[in-house]
């Protein structure tokens, strides 16, 4: 596996916006989290939910191109009789 193939699933699994939203809601209702901090956490979660899958997709896109090139270079051309 290439480093891109290893890194991409990790980026896809690190998008956990629903957990952040629930945690912020509970913290705000209990009075443990100020609204400005809650807004910042939601915004950071939203940015990561949008950016990380895009980055993972770009990494995997490069991997596919490399594997196609590798496959094409390894093709066996039959000899003519």
C-alpha atoms as a PDB file:
ATOM      1  CA  UNK A   1       0.000   0.000   0.000  1.00  0.00           C
ATOM      2  CA  UNK A   2       1.159   3.493  -0.746  1.00  0.00           C
ATOM      3  CA  UNK A   3       1.102   6.261   1.850  1.00  0.00           C
ATOM      4  CA  UNK A   4      -1.893   7.774   0.044  1.00  0.00           C
ATOM      5  CA  UNK A   5      -3.870   4.560   0.351  1.00  0.00           C
ATOM      6  CA  UNK A   6      -3.076   4.438   4.067  1.00  0.00           C
ATOM      7  CA  UNK A   7      -3.822   8.096   4.809  1.00  0.00           C
ATOM      8  CA  UNK A   8      -7.118   8.417   2.914  1.00  0.00           C
ATOM      9  CA  UNK A   9      -9.247   6.130   5.138  1.00  0.00           C
ATOM     10  CA  UNK A  10      -7.975   7.937   8.214  1.00  0.00           C
ATOM     11  CA  UNK A  11      -9.065  11.268   6.792  1.00  0.00           C
ATOM     12  CA  UNK A  12     -12.487   9.893   5.922  1.00  0.00           C
ATOM     13  CA  UNK A  13     -12.968   8.473   9.412  1.00  0.00           C
ATOM     14  CA  UNK A  14     -11.952  11.677  11.157  1.00  0.00           C
ATOM     15  CA  UNK A  15     -15.060  13.584  10.044  1.00  0.00           C
ATOM     16  CA  UNK A  16     -17.305  13.397  13.101  1.00  0.00           C
ATOM     17  CA  UNK A  17     -19.551  16.451  12.908  1.00  0.00           C
ATOM     18  CA  UNK A  18     -22.533  14.752  14.569  1.00  0.00           C
ATOM     19  CA  UNK A  19     -20.501  14.019  17.704  1.00  0.00           C
ATOM     20  CA  UNK A  20     -19.360  17.635  17.888  1.00  0.00           C
ATOM     21  CA  UNK A  21     -22.915  18.946  17.470  1.00  0.00           C
ATOM     22  CA  UNK A  22     -24.290  16.717  20.238  1.00  0.00           C
ATOM     23  CA  UNK A  23     -21.429  17.543  22.586  1.00  0.00           C
ATOM     24  CA  UNK A  24     -21.830  21.272  21.987  1.00  0.00           C
ATOM     25  CA  UNK A  25     -25.591  21.029  22.557  1.00  0.00           C
ATOM     26  CA  UNK A  26     -25.147  19.233  25.868  1.00  0.00           C
ATOM     27  CA  UNK A  27     -22.373  21.557  27.008  1.00  0.00           C
ATOM     28  CA  UNK A  28     -24.406  24.649  26.164  1.00  0.00           C
ATOM     29  CA  UNK A  29     -27.553  23.385  27.924  1.00  0.00           C
ATOM     30  CA  UNK A  30     -25.586  22.520  31.057  1.00  0.00           C
ATOM     31  CA  UNK A  31     -24.043  25.989  31.050  1.00  0.00           C
ATOM     32  CA  UNK A  32     -20.517  24.604  30.727  1.00  0.00           C
ATOM     33  CA  UNK A  33     -19.889  26.002  27.250  1.00  0.00           C
ATOM     34  CA  UNK A  34     -20.307  29.595  26.124  1.00  0.00           C
ATOM     35  CA  UNK A  35     -22.081  30.211  22.838  1.00  0.00           C
ATOM     36  CA  UNK A  36     -19.030  31.782  21.197  1.00  0.00           C
ATOM     37  CA  UNK A  37     -16.991  28.662  21.978  1.00  0.00           C
ATOM     38  CA  UNK A  38     -19.832  26.423  20.805  1.00  0.00           C
ATOM     39  CA  UNK A  39     -19.986  28.326  17.520  1.00  0.00           C
ATOM     40  CA  UNK A  40     -16.237  27.974  17.039  1.00  0.00           C
ATOM     41  CA  UNK A  41     -16.385  24.212  17.660  1.00  0.00           C
ATOM     42  CA  UNK A  42     -19.286  23.739  15.230  1.00  0.00           C
ATOM     43  CA  UNK A  43     -17.484  25.800  12.588  1.00  0.00           C
ATOM     44  CA  UNK A  44     -14.267  23.801  13.022  1.00  0.00           C
ATOM     45  CA  UNK A  45     -16.232  20.548  12.734  1.00  0.00           C
ATOM     46  CA  UNK A  46     -17.995  21.788   9.616  1.00  0.00           C
ATOM     47  CA  UNK A  47     -14.732  22.795   7.969  1.00  0.00           C
ATOM     48  CA  UNK A  48     -13.196  19.402   8.736  1.00  0.00           C
ATOM     49  CA  UNK A  49     -16.299  17.578   7.463  1.00  0.00           C
ATOM     50  CA  UNK A  50     -16.002  19.440   4.164  1.00  0.00           C
ATOM     51  CA  UNK A  51     -12.231  19.529   3.749  1.00  0.00           C
ATOM     52  CA  UNK A  52     -11.046  16.086   4.868  1.00  0.00           C
ATOM     53  CA  UNK A  53     -13.155  13.969   2.462  1.00  0.00           C
ATOM     54  CA  UNK A  54     -12.098  16.270  -0.375  1.00  0.00           C
ATOM     55  CA  UNK A  55      -8.439  15.828   0.528  1.00  0.00           C
ATOM     56  CA  UNK A  56      -8.903  12.046   0.827  1.00  0.00           C
ATOM     57  CA  UNK A  57     -10.566  11.955  -2.579  1.00  0.00           C
ATOM     58  CA  UNK A  58      -7.691  13.906  -4.104  1.00  0.00           C
ATOM     59  CA  UNK A  59      -5.181  11.516  -2.534  1.00  0.00           C
ATOM     60  CA  UNK A  60      -7.020   8.472  -3.860  1.00  0.00           C
ATOM     61  CA  UNK A  61      -7.345  10.084  -7.279  1.00  0.00           C
ATOM     62  CA  UNK A  62      -3.567  10.289  -7.506  1.00  0.00           C
ATOM     63  CA  UNK A  63      -3.314   6.678  -6.438  1.00  0.00           C
ATOM     64  CA  UNK A  64      -5.642   5.498  -9.192  1.00  0.00           C
ATOM     65  CA  UNK A  65      -3.638   7.324 -11.844  1.00  0.00           C
ATOM     66  CA  UNK A  66      -0.435   5.800 -10.537  1.00  0.00           C
ATOM     67  CA  UNK A  67      -1.932   2.304 -10.482  1.00  0.00           C
ATOM     68  CA  UNK A  68      -3.225   2.686 -14.052  1.00  0.00           C
ATOM     69  CA  UNK A  69       0.247   3.750 -15.193  1.00  0.00           C
ATOM     70  CA  UNK A  70       1.790   0.836 -13.326  1.00  0.00           C
ATOM     71  CA  UNK A  71      -0.707  -1.594 -14.830  1.00  0.00           C
ATOM     72  CA  UNK A  72      -0.180  -0.264 -18.346  1.00  0.00           C
ATOM     73  CA  UNK A  73       3.579  -0.556 -18.047  1.00  0.00           C
ATOM     74  CA  UNK A  74       3.259  -4.191 -16.951  1.00  0.00           C
ATOM     75  CA  UNK A  75       0.967  -5.293 -19.770  1.00  0.00           C
ATOM     76  CA  UNK A  76       2.276  -8.201 -21.786  1.00  0.00           C
ATOM     77  CA  UNK A  77       2.082  -7.695 -25.516  1.00  0.00           C
ATOM     78  CA  UNK A  78       1.569 -10.993 -27.335  1.00  0.00           C
ATOM     79  CA  UNK A  79       4.108 -11.757 -30.011  1.00  0.00           C
ATOM     80  CA  UNK A  80       2.957 -12.158 -33.583  1.00  0.00           C
ATOM     81  CA  UNK A  81       3.414 -15.581 -35.078  1.00  0.00           C
END
